Amino acid sequence: TAMMGFFEHQYLSYKKNHIKNLLALAKSDGHMHPKEEALLYKIGTKYGLKQRQVKLLIDADEKFDVNVPDNHNDRMNLLYDLILMVYADDVIDPHEIEFCEDAVKQFGMKKELVSWLLKEFDRGTPPPPDEWEDMKREALESFMI
């Protein structure tokens, strides 16, 4: 069971890192919009975090930096949620775009990936899961450095 505990701990810190990455974005324009906060709770729930765990992260005063996930799939899933955050408050803020472009560069990918994703998301709804799988493949083929 010690192994299991370690694995669960790893998984929890992965989930928390995911939320921290989104928080870093949400705070990048200097303030957090209520819609961004609501989305953070929603995404936290999707990842199986409790409301209070998310709240603790939101209330923390630390400045979060991007924590780079270690595989393409997780990186793309992080980008998916980051782009959702960008659209959350109905204002596309240049700080947020810059934040996403920096993240993408840290992933070893071309920053053009961000505008491509924004265009895809801009058609109204975020891409459904099957379409998203295709987009992840396309990103790998077209936007790797």
N, C-alpha and C. Protein backbone atom coordinates (compact mmCIF):
# COMPACT_ATOMS: atom_id res chain seq x y z
N THR A 1 0.82 -1.22 0.00
CA THR A 1 0.00 0.00 0.00
C THR A 1 0.86 1.26 0.00
N ALA A 2 2.10 1.14 0.43
CA ALA A 2 2.98 2.31 0.40
C ALA A 2 3.10 2.83 -1.04
N MET A 3 3.25 1.89 -1.98
CA MET A 3 3.35 2.27 -3.39
C MET A 3 2.09 3.02 -3.83
N MET A 4 0.97 2.47 -3.45
CA MET A 4 -0.30 3.07 -3.82
C MET A 4 -0.36 4.50 -3.30
N GLY A 5 0.03 4.67 -2.05
CA GLY A 5 0.03 6.01 -1.45
C GLY A 5 0.89 6.96 -2.26
N PHE A 6 2.05 6.48 -2.67
CA PHE A 6 2.95 7.31 -3.46
C PHE A 6 2.29 7.69 -4.78
N PHE A 7 1.67 6.68 -5.42
CA PHE A 7 1.03 6.94 -6.70
C PHE A 7 -0.09 7.96 -6.54
N GLU A 8 -0.91 7.78 -5.52
CA GLU A 8 -2.01 8.72 -5.29
C GLU A 8 -1.48 10.12 -5.04
N HIS A 9 -0.39 10.18 -4.29
CA HIS A 9 0.22 11.48 -4.01
C HIS A 9 0.69 12.12 -5.31
N GLN A 10 1.36 11.34 -6.15
CA GLN A 10 1.83 11.83 -7.44
C GLN A 10 0.66 12.37 -8.25
N TYR A 11 -0.41 11.58 -8.24
CA TYR A 11 -1.57 11.93 -9.04
C TYR A 11 -2.22 13.20 -8.52
N LEU A 12 -2.29 13.31 -7.21
CA LEU A 12 -2.87 14.51 -6.60
C LEU A 12 -2.03 15.73 -6.96
N SER A 13 -0.71 15.59 -6.88
CA SER A 13 0.11 16.76 -7.18
C SER A 13 0.01 17.10 -8.68
N TYR A 14 -0.18 16.07 -9.52
CA TYR A 14 -0.39 16.33 -10.95
C TYR A 14 -1.67 17.15 -11.14
N LYS A 15 -2.74 16.76 -10.44
CA LYS A 15 -4.02 17.47 -10.57
C LYS A 15 -3.90 18.89 -10.03
N LYS A 16 -3.19 19.02 -8.90
CA LYS A 16 -3.01 20.36 -8.33
C LYS A 16 -2.17 21.23 -9.26
N ASN A 17 -1.15 20.63 -9.86
CA ASN A 17 -0.33 21.39 -10.80
C ASN A 17 -1.16 21.88 -11.97
N HIS A 18 -2.09 21.05 -12.40
CA HIS A 18 -2.96 21.42 -13.51
C HIS A 18 -3.74 22.69 -13.14
N ILE A 19 -4.33 22.69 -11.95
CA ILE A 19 -5.09 23.85 -11.48
C ILE A 19 -4.16 25.05 -11.28
N LYS A 20 -2.97 24.80 -10.73
CA LYS A 20 -2.01 25.91 -10.53
C LYS A 20 -1.64 26.56 -11.86
N ASN A 21 -1.48 25.73 -12.90
CA ASN A 21 -1.17 26.27 -14.23
C ASN A 21 -2.30 27.18 -14.71
N LEU A 22 -3.53 26.75 -14.46
CA LEU A 22 -4.68 27.55 -14.89
C LEU A 22 -4.77 28.83 -14.07
N LEU A 23 -4.43 28.71 -12.79
CA LEU A 23 -4.43 29.89 -11.91
C LEU A 23 -3.39 30.90 -12.36
N ALA A 24 -2.24 30.39 -12.74
CA ALA A 24 -1.17 31.29 -13.21
C ALA A 24 -1.70 32.11 -14.37
N LEU A 25 -2.44 31.45 -15.26
CA LEU A 25 -3.04 32.16 -16.39
C LEU A 25 -4.11 33.15 -15.91
N ALA A 26 -4.98 32.68 -15.05
CA ALA A 26 -6.10 33.52 -14.60
C ALA A 26 -5.58 34.80 -13.95
N LYS A 27 -4.41 34.70 -13.29
CA LYS A 27 -3.87 35.87 -12.61
C LYS A 27 -2.93 36.68 -13.49
N SER A 28 -2.69 36.19 -14.71
CA SER A 28 -1.68 36.84 -15.55
C SER A 28 -2.09 38.24 -15.99
N ASP A 29 -3.41 38.50 -16.01
CA ASP A 29 -3.82 39.85 -16.41
C ASP A 29 -4.04 40.73 -15.19
N GLY A 30 -3.57 40.26 -14.03
CA GLY A 30 -3.58 41.10 -12.84
C GLY A 30 -4.80 40.94 -11.95
N HIS A 31 -5.83 40.25 -12.44
CA HIS A 31 -7.00 40.05 -11.58
C HIS A 31 -7.72 38.80 -12.05
N MET A 32 -8.48 38.21 -11.16
CA MET A 32 -9.23 37.04 -11.56
C MET A 32 -10.70 37.35 -11.67
N HIS A 33 -11.25 37.03 -12.83
CA HIS A 33 -12.65 37.28 -13.11
C HIS A 33 -13.50 36.17 -12.47
N PRO A 34 -14.70 36.54 -11.95
CA PRO A 34 -15.57 35.53 -11.33
C PRO A 34 -15.86 34.34 -12.25
N LYS A 35 -15.96 34.59 -13.56
CA LYS A 35 -16.20 33.49 -14.50
C LYS A 35 -14.99 32.57 -14.59
N GLU A 36 -13.80 33.16 -14.45
CA GLU A 36 -12.58 32.35 -14.46
C GLU A 36 -12.55 31.48 -13.21
N GLU A 37 -12.94 32.09 -12.10
CA GLU A 37 -12.95 31.36 -10.84
C GLU A 37 -13.95 30.20 -10.90
N ALA A 38 -15.13 30.48 -11.45
CA ALA A 38 -16.15 29.43 -11.58
C ALA A 38 -15.63 28.28 -12.44
N LEU A 39 -14.93 28.63 -13.52
CA LEU A 39 -14.39 27.60 -14.40
C LEU A 39 -13.33 26.76 -13.69
N LEU A 40 -12.51 27.42 -12.86
CA LEU A 40 -11.49 26.69 -12.10
C LEU A 40 -12.13 25.61 -11.23
N TYR A 41 -13.23 25.96 -10.58
CA TYR A 41 -13.93 24.99 -9.73
C TYR A 41 -14.46 23.84 -10.59
N LYS A 42 -14.99 24.20 -11.75
CA LYS A 42 -15.56 23.20 -12.64
C LYS A 42 -14.47 22.21 -13.10
N ILE A 43 -13.33 22.77 -13.50
CA ILE A 43 -12.23 21.93 -13.97
C ILE A 43 -11.67 21.10 -12.81
N GLY A 44 -11.59 21.73 -11.63
CA GLY A 44 -11.13 21.01 -10.44
C GLY A 44 -12.00 19.79 -10.18
N THR A 45 -13.30 19.99 -10.27
CA THR A 45 -14.25 18.90 -10.07
C THR A 45 -14.03 17.80 -11.10
N LYS A 46 -13.82 18.22 -12.36
CA LYS A 46 -13.57 17.25 -13.43
C LYS A 46 -12.34 16.39 -13.11
N TYR A 47 -11.36 17.00 -12.46
CA TYR A 47 -10.14 16.29 -12.10
C TYR A 47 -10.25 15.59 -10.74
N GLY A 48 -11.44 15.65 -10.15
CA GLY A 48 -11.65 14.94 -8.90
C GLY A 48 -11.09 15.64 -7.67
N LEU A 49 -10.85 16.95 -7.78
CA LEU A 49 -10.42 17.71 -6.60
C LEU A 49 -11.66 18.20 -5.86
N LYS A 50 -11.53 18.31 -4.55
CA LYS A 50 -12.64 18.85 -3.76
C LYS A 50 -12.63 20.37 -3.86
N GLN A 51 -13.81 20.96 -3.71
CA GLN A 51 -13.95 22.42 -3.77
C GLN A 51 -12.94 23.11 -2.85
N ARG A 52 -12.78 22.58 -1.64
CA ARG A 52 -11.88 23.25 -0.71
C ARG A 52 -10.42 23.16 -1.16
N GLN A 53 -10.08 22.07 -1.88
CA GLN A 53 -8.71 21.96 -2.39
C GLN A 53 -8.46 23.04 -3.44
N VAL A 54 -9.47 23.25 -4.25
CA VAL A 54 -9.36 24.29 -5.28
C VAL A 54 -9.31 25.67 -4.62
N LYS A 55 -10.17 25.86 -3.63
CA LYS A 55 -10.22 27.15 -2.94
C LYS A 55 -8.88 27.50 -2.30
N LEU A 56 -8.24 26.51 -1.68
CA LEU A 56 -6.93 26.73 -1.06
C LEU A 56 -5.93 27.23 -2.10
N LEU A 57 -5.98 26.65 -3.29
CA LEU A 57 -5.06 27.06 -4.35
C LEU A 57 -5.39 28.48 -4.82
N ILE A 58 -6.69 28.76 -4.96
CA ILE A 58 -7.11 30.08 -5.41
C ILE A 58 -6.71 31.16 -4.40
N ASP A 59 -6.88 30.81 -3.11
CA ASP A 59 -6.58 31.79 -2.06
C ASP A 59 -5.09 31.95 -1.78
N ALA A 60 -4.30 30.99 -2.23
CA ALA A 60 -2.86 31.07 -1.98
C ALA A 60 -2.31 32.32 -2.65
N ASP A 61 -1.40 32.97 -1.96
CA ASP A 61 -0.91 34.22 -2.54
C ASP A 61 0.31 34.01 -3.42
N GLU A 62 0.75 32.74 -3.53
CA GLU A 62 1.97 32.53 -4.28
C GLU A 62 1.75 32.78 -5.77
N LYS A 63 2.83 33.14 -6.43
CA LYS A 63 2.76 33.34 -7.86
C LYS A 63 3.12 32.01 -8.50
N PHE A 64 2.19 31.46 -9.24
CA PHE A 64 2.43 30.17 -9.87
C PHE A 64 3.12 30.34 -11.22
N ASP A 65 4.07 29.46 -11.48
CA ASP A 65 4.69 29.41 -12.80
C ASP A 65 4.16 28.16 -13.49
N VAL A 66 4.33 28.13 -14.79
CA VAL A 66 3.86 26.95 -15.51
C VAL A 66 4.69 25.74 -15.13
N ASN A 67 3.99 24.68 -14.80
CA ASN A 67 4.63 23.43 -14.49
C ASN A 67 4.40 22.55 -15.72
N VAL A 68 5.46 22.24 -16.44
CA VAL A 68 5.31 21.57 -17.73
C VAL A 68 4.99 20.08 -17.56
N PRO A 69 3.82 19.65 -18.03
CA PRO A 69 3.50 18.22 -17.98
C PRO A 69 4.50 17.43 -18.82
N ASP A 70 4.72 16.16 -18.46
CA ASP A 70 5.85 15.48 -19.11
C ASP A 70 5.50 14.69 -20.37
N ASN A 71 4.28 14.78 -20.87
CA ASN A 71 4.01 14.13 -22.15
C ASN A 71 3.04 14.97 -22.99
N HIS A 72 3.04 14.69 -24.28
CA HIS A 72 2.26 15.49 -25.24
C HIS A 72 0.78 15.51 -24.88
N ASN A 73 0.25 14.36 -24.51
CA ASN A 73 -1.16 14.26 -24.19
C ASN A 73 -1.55 15.20 -23.05
N ASP A 74 -0.79 15.15 -21.95
CA ASP A 74 -1.08 16.01 -20.80
C ASP A 74 -0.88 17.48 -21.14
N ARG A 75 0.15 17.75 -21.95
CA ARG A 75 0.40 19.15 -22.34
C ARG A 75 -0.76 19.69 -23.14
N MET A 76 -1.26 18.89 -24.08
CA MET A 76 -2.38 19.34 -24.90
C MET A 76 -3.65 19.49 -24.06
N ASN A 77 -3.85 18.58 -23.11
CA ASN A 77 -5.03 18.70 -22.25
C ASN A 77 -4.94 19.94 -21.37
N LEU A 78 -3.72 20.29 -20.98
CA LEU A 78 -3.53 21.52 -20.23
C LEU A 78 -3.87 22.72 -21.13
N LEU A 79 -3.39 22.70 -22.35
CA LEU A 79 -3.68 23.80 -23.28
C LEU A 79 -5.18 23.95 -23.51
N TYR A 80 -5.86 22.82 -23.60
CA TYR A 80 -7.31 22.83 -23.79
C TYR A 80 -7.97 23.66 -22.69
N ASP A 81 -7.60 23.34 -21.45
CA ASP A 81 -8.18 24.06 -20.31
C ASP A 81 -7.70 25.51 -20.26
N LEU A 82 -6.44 25.74 -20.65
CA LEU A 82 -5.94 27.12 -20.68
C LEU A 82 -6.74 27.97 -21.66
N ILE A 83 -7.03 27.40 -22.83
CA ILE A 83 -7.80 28.15 -23.83
C ILE A 83 -9.23 28.37 -23.32
N LEU A 84 -9.79 27.38 -22.63
CA LEU A 84 -11.12 27.58 -22.01
C LEU A 84 -11.06 28.77 -21.06
N MET A 85 -9.97 28.86 -20.29
CA MET A 85 -9.80 29.96 -19.34
C MET A 85 -9.71 31.30 -20.08
N VAL A 86 -8.98 31.30 -21.19
CA VAL A 86 -8.84 32.54 -21.96
C VAL A 86 -10.22 33.06 -22.36
N TYR A 87 -11.10 32.14 -22.74
CA TYR A 87 -12.43 32.53 -23.19
C TYR A 87 -13.43 32.73 -22.06
N ALA A 88 -13.06 32.32 -20.85
CA ALA A 88 -14.03 32.29 -19.74
C ALA A 88 -14.69 33.64 -19.47
N ASP A 89 -13.89 34.70 -19.49
CA ASP A 89 -14.45 36.02 -19.13
C ASP A 89 -14.89 36.82 -20.35
N ASP A 90 -14.96 36.15 -21.50
CA ASP A 90 -15.41 36.80 -22.74
C ASP A 90 -14.47 37.89 -23.24
N VAL A 91 -13.31 38.00 -22.61
CA VAL A 91 -12.34 38.98 -23.07
C VAL A 91 -11.04 38.24 -23.34
N ILE A 92 -10.55 38.37 -24.56
CA ILE A 92 -9.27 37.74 -24.85
C ILE A 92 -8.18 38.75 -24.55
N ASP A 93 -7.52 38.52 -23.44
CA ASP A 93 -6.53 39.45 -22.94
C ASP A 93 -5.15 39.12 -23.52
N PRO A 94 -4.42 40.14 -23.99
CA PRO A 94 -3.09 39.89 -24.56
C PRO A 94 -2.14 39.20 -23.57
N HIS A 95 -2.28 39.51 -22.27
CA HIS A 95 -1.43 38.84 -21.27
C HIS A 95 -1.68 37.34 -21.29
N GLU A 96 -2.95 36.99 -21.45
CA GLU A 96 -3.31 35.57 -21.43
C GLU A 96 -2.77 34.85 -22.66
N ILE A 97 -2.87 35.53 -23.80
CA ILE A 97 -2.33 34.95 -25.03
C ILE A 97 -0.82 34.74 -24.89
N GLU A 98 -0.16 35.75 -24.38
CA GLU A 98 1.29 35.70 -24.18
C GLU A 98 1.64 34.55 -23.23
N PHE A 99 0.83 34.42 -22.18
CA PHE A 99 1.04 33.35 -21.20
C PHE A 99 0.98 32.00 -21.90
N CYS A 100 -0.04 31.80 -22.74
CA CYS A 100 -0.21 30.53 -23.45
C CYS A 100 0.94 30.29 -24.42
N GLU A 101 1.38 31.36 -25.08
CA GLU A 101 2.50 31.22 -26.03
C GLU A 101 3.78 30.84 -25.31
N ASP A 102 4.00 31.43 -24.14
CA ASP A 102 5.17 31.06 -23.34
C ASP A 102 5.11 29.59 -22.94
N ALA A 103 3.92 29.17 -22.50
CA ALA A 103 3.74 27.78 -22.08
C ALA A 103 4.06 26.84 -23.24
N VAL A 104 3.51 27.18 -24.41
CA VAL A 104 3.71 26.36 -25.60
C VAL A 104 5.19 26.26 -25.97
N LYS A 105 5.91 27.39 -25.83
CA LYS A 105 7.35 27.37 -26.11
C LYS A 105 8.07 26.44 -25.13
N GLN A 106 7.62 26.46 -23.86
CA GLN A 106 8.22 25.55 -22.88
C GLN A 106 7.92 24.09 -23.21
N PHE A 107 6.85 23.86 -23.95
CA PHE A 107 6.50 22.49 -24.36
C PHE A 107 7.32 22.06 -25.58
N GLY A 108 8.16 22.99 -26.10
CA GLY A 108 8.92 22.67 -27.30
C GLY A 108 8.08 22.72 -28.56
N MET A 109 7.07 23.59 -28.53
CA MET A 109 6.20 23.73 -29.69
C MET A 109 6.15 25.17 -30.17
N LYS A 110 5.73 25.34 -31.41
CA LYS A 110 5.68 26.69 -31.99
C LYS A 110 4.53 27.48 -31.39
N LYS A 111 4.78 28.77 -31.16
CA LYS A 111 3.75 29.58 -30.52
C LYS A 111 2.50 29.75 -31.39
N GLU A 112 2.65 29.49 -32.70
CA GLU A 112 1.49 29.56 -33.62
C GLU A 112 0.39 28.59 -33.20
N LEU A 113 0.79 27.56 -32.44
CA LEU A 113 -0.19 26.59 -31.95
C LEU A 113 -1.32 27.30 -31.20
N VAL A 114 -0.97 28.36 -30.48
CA VAL A 114 -1.97 29.08 -29.68
C VAL A 114 -3.03 29.72 -30.57
N SER A 115 -2.60 30.43 -31.62
CA SER A 115 -3.61 31.09 -32.47
C SER A 115 -4.44 30.05 -33.23
N TRP A 116 -3.80 28.92 -33.57
CA TRP A 116 -4.55 27.85 -34.23
C TRP A 116 -5.64 27.31 -33.28
N LEU A 117 -5.27 27.08 -32.02
CA LEU A 117 -6.25 26.59 -31.04
C LEU A 117 -7.35 27.62 -30.80
N LEU A 118 -6.97 28.89 -30.68
CA LEU A 118 -7.96 29.94 -30.46
C LEU A 118 -8.97 29.97 -31.60
N LYS A 119 -8.47 29.83 -32.82
CA LYS A 119 -9.37 29.80 -33.98
C LYS A 119 -10.34 28.62 -33.89
N GLU A 120 -9.81 27.47 -33.51
CA GLU A 120 -10.65 26.27 -33.40
C GLU A 120 -11.72 26.45 -32.32
N PHE A 121 -11.31 27.01 -31.19
CA PHE A 121 -12.24 27.19 -30.07
C PHE A 121 -13.24 28.31 -30.36
N ASP A 122 -12.82 29.21 -31.23
CA ASP A 122 -13.61 30.40 -31.48
C ASP A 122 -14.87 30.11 -32.27
N ARG A 123 -14.93 28.90 -32.81
CA ARG A 123 -16.11 28.58 -33.61
C ARG A 123 -17.32 28.36 -32.71
N GLY A 124 -17.17 28.64 -31.44
CA GLY A 124 -18.32 28.55 -30.54
C GLY A 124 -18.04 27.64 -29.37
N THR A 125 -18.03 26.33 -29.64
CA THR A 125 -17.86 25.41 -28.52
C THR A 125 -16.46 24.83 -28.55
N PRO A 126 -15.97 24.42 -27.39
CA PRO A 126 -14.68 23.73 -27.42
C PRO A 126 -14.83 22.42 -28.21
N PRO A 127 -13.76 21.98 -28.85
CA PRO A 127 -13.84 20.76 -29.65
C PRO A 127 -14.27 19.57 -28.79
N PRO A 128 -15.20 18.75 -29.30
CA PRO A 128 -15.61 17.54 -28.57
C PRO A 128 -14.45 16.53 -28.52
N PRO A 129 -14.49 15.58 -27.57
CA PRO A 129 -13.37 14.66 -27.33
C PRO A 129 -12.78 14.01 -28.58
N ASP A 130 -13.62 13.50 -29.49
CA ASP A 130 -13.06 12.81 -30.66
C ASP A 130 -12.29 13.78 -31.56
N GLU A 131 -12.85 14.96 -31.72
CA GLU A 131 -12.20 15.99 -32.52
C GLU A 131 -10.90 16.44 -31.84
N TRP A 132 -10.94 16.51 -30.53
CA TRP A 132 -9.77 16.94 -29.75
C TRP A 132 -8.62 15.95 -29.93
N GLU A 133 -8.94 14.64 -29.98
CA GLU A 133 -7.90 13.63 -30.21
C GLU A 133 -7.21 13.88 -31.55
N ASP A 134 -8.01 14.19 -32.58
CA ASP A 134 -7.43 14.50 -33.89
C ASP A 134 -6.56 15.74 -33.83
N MET A 135 -7.04 16.74 -33.08
CA MET A 135 -6.29 18.00 -32.98
C MET A 135 -4.95 17.79 -32.27
N LYS A 136 -4.96 16.91 -31.27
CA LYS A 136 -3.70 16.62 -30.56
C LYS A 136 -2.68 16.03 -31.52
N ARG A 137 -3.17 15.13 -32.39
CA ARG A 137 -2.28 14.53 -33.39
C ARG A 137 -1.77 15.58 -34.35
N GLU A 138 -2.68 16.42 -34.80
CA GLU A 138 -2.32 17.46 -35.75
C GLU A 138 -1.29 18.42 -35.15
N ALA A 139 -1.47 18.75 -33.88
CA ALA A 139 -0.53 19.65 -33.20
C ALA A 139 0.86 19.03 -33.19
N LEU A 140 0.90 17.71 -32.97
CA LEU A 140 2.17 17.00 -32.92
C LEU A 140 2.86 17.06 -34.29
N GLU A 141 2.05 16.93 -35.35
CA GLU A 141 2.62 16.93 -36.71
C GLU A 141 2.99 18.33 -37.18
N SER A 142 2.19 19.33 -36.80
CA SER A 142 2.37 20.65 -37.39
C SER A 142 3.13 21.66 -36.54
N PHE A 143 3.14 21.46 -35.22
CA PHE A 143 3.64 22.56 -34.38
C PHE A 143 4.84 22.20 -33.50
N MET A 144 5.40 21.03 -33.69
CA MET A 144 6.58 20.71 -32.90
C MET A 144 7.77 21.50 -33.43
N ILE A 145 8.67 21.90 -32.50
CA ILE A 145 9.86 22.64 -32.95
C ILE A 145 10.93 21.62 -33.32
